[in-house]
Amino acid sequence: MQPKPIRLVLVDDQGIILEGLTALLDGDPAFEVVGTANSGEQAVKVVLRTGPDAVVMDISMPPGINGIEATRDREANA
């Protein structure tokens, strides 16, 4: 019996980076990408909706809230 994959949300404001990470991790059975976001605001919504095991987040995403602020917002809503 194989272990359950780690459920991930990926966050980056650069589409090419987000697409590359998604393609790389989707090809590995140890991971399951359950959501993606391209802003801090969107990241909070996706994380609350999907309940991932981990989030891979860009910390500098203009405009709006950055990755650090989005993480704090998620912690406040937990």
Protein backbone atom coordinates (compact mmCIF):
# COMPACT_ATOMS: atom_id res chain seq x y z
CA MET A 1 0.00 0.00 0.00
CA GLN A 2 1.40 3.37 -1.04
CA PRO A 3 1.35 6.31 1.39
CA LYS A 4 -1.08 9.13 0.69
CA PRO A 5 0.42 11.93 -1.40
CA ILE A 6 1.22 15.26 0.23
CA ARG A 7 -1.55 17.66 -0.77
CA LEU A 8 -0.09 21.00 -1.92
CA VAL A 9 -1.23 24.47 -2.85
CA LEU A 10 1.26 26.36 -5.03
CA VAL A 11 1.35 30.17 -5.04
CA ASP A 12 3.36 32.45 -7.34
CA ASP A 13 2.54 35.63 -9.22
CA GLN A 14 4.60 34.54 -12.24
CA GLY A 15 2.57 32.17 -14.38
CA ILE A 16 5.56 30.38 -15.91
CA ILE A 17 6.94 29.53 -12.47
CA LEU A 18 3.54 28.32 -11.27
CA GLU A 19 3.06 26.19 -14.39
CA GLY A 20 6.56 24.71 -14.09
CA LEU A 21 6.16 23.80 -10.41
CA THR A 22 2.74 22.31 -11.07
CA ALA A 23 4.04 20.18 -13.95
CA LEU A 24 7.05 19.04 -11.93
CA LEU A 25 5.10 18.08 -8.82
CA ASP A 26 2.11 16.58 -10.66
CA GLY A 27 4.54 14.08 -12.17
CA ASP A 28 5.59 12.80 -8.74
CA PRO A 29 3.20 10.36 -7.03
CA ALA A 30 4.37 11.63 -3.62
CA PHE A 31 2.57 14.94 -4.27
CA GLU A 32 -0.92 16.06 -5.26
CA VAL A 33 -1.39 19.68 -6.31
CA VAL A 34 -4.86 20.51 -4.99
CA GLY A 35 -4.83 24.19 -5.90
CA THR A 36 -2.87 27.10 -7.30
CA ALA A 37 -3.03 30.85 -6.82
CA ASN A 38 -1.30 33.86 -8.32
CA SER A 39 -1.79 36.37 -5.49
CA GLY A 40 -1.77 36.47 -1.71
CA GLU A 41 -5.49 37.20 -1.60
CA GLN A 42 -6.28 34.28 -3.88
CA ALA A 43 -3.92 32.02 -1.90
CA VAL A 44 -5.89 32.53 1.31
CA LYS A 45 -9.14 31.60 -0.46
CA VAL A 46 -7.66 28.50 -2.12
CA VAL A 47 -6.07 27.28 1.12
CA LEU A 48 -9.30 27.73 3.08
CA ARG A 49 -11.25 25.89 0.35
CA THR A 50 -8.83 22.96 -0.18
CA GLY A 51 -7.21 22.38 3.23
CA PRO A 52 -3.80 21.29 1.91
CA ASP A 53 -1.05 19.59 3.89
CA ALA A 54 1.45 22.27 2.81
CA VAL A 55 1.71 25.49 0.82
CA VAL A 56 4.63 26.46 -1.42
CA MET A 57 4.37 30.25 -1.48
CA ASP A 58 6.26 33.06 -3.16
CA ILE A 59 6.85 35.67 -0.46
CA SER A 60 7.14 38.73 -2.73
CA MET A 61 4.00 39.12 -4.83
CA PRO A 62 2.94 42.61 -5.83
CA PRO A 63 0.33 44.09 -5.88
CA GLY A 64 -1.76 43.41 -2.81
CA ILE A 65 -0.73 41.23 0.08
CA ASN A 66 2.54 39.31 -0.20
CA GLY A 67 3.19 35.70 0.78
CA ILE A 68 4.14 36.51 4.36
CA GLU A 69 0.99 38.58 4.92
CA ALA A 70 -1.14 35.87 3.28
CA THR A 71 0.34 33.30 5.65
CA ARG A 72 -0.46 35.52 8.63
CA ASP A 73 -4.01 36.02 7.34
CA ARG A 74 -4.48 32.25 7.00
CA GLU A 75 -3.17 31.73 10.55
CA ALA A 76 -5.64 34.31 11.85
CA ASN A 77 -8.51 32.48 10.10
CA ALA A 78 -7.47 29.00 11.27
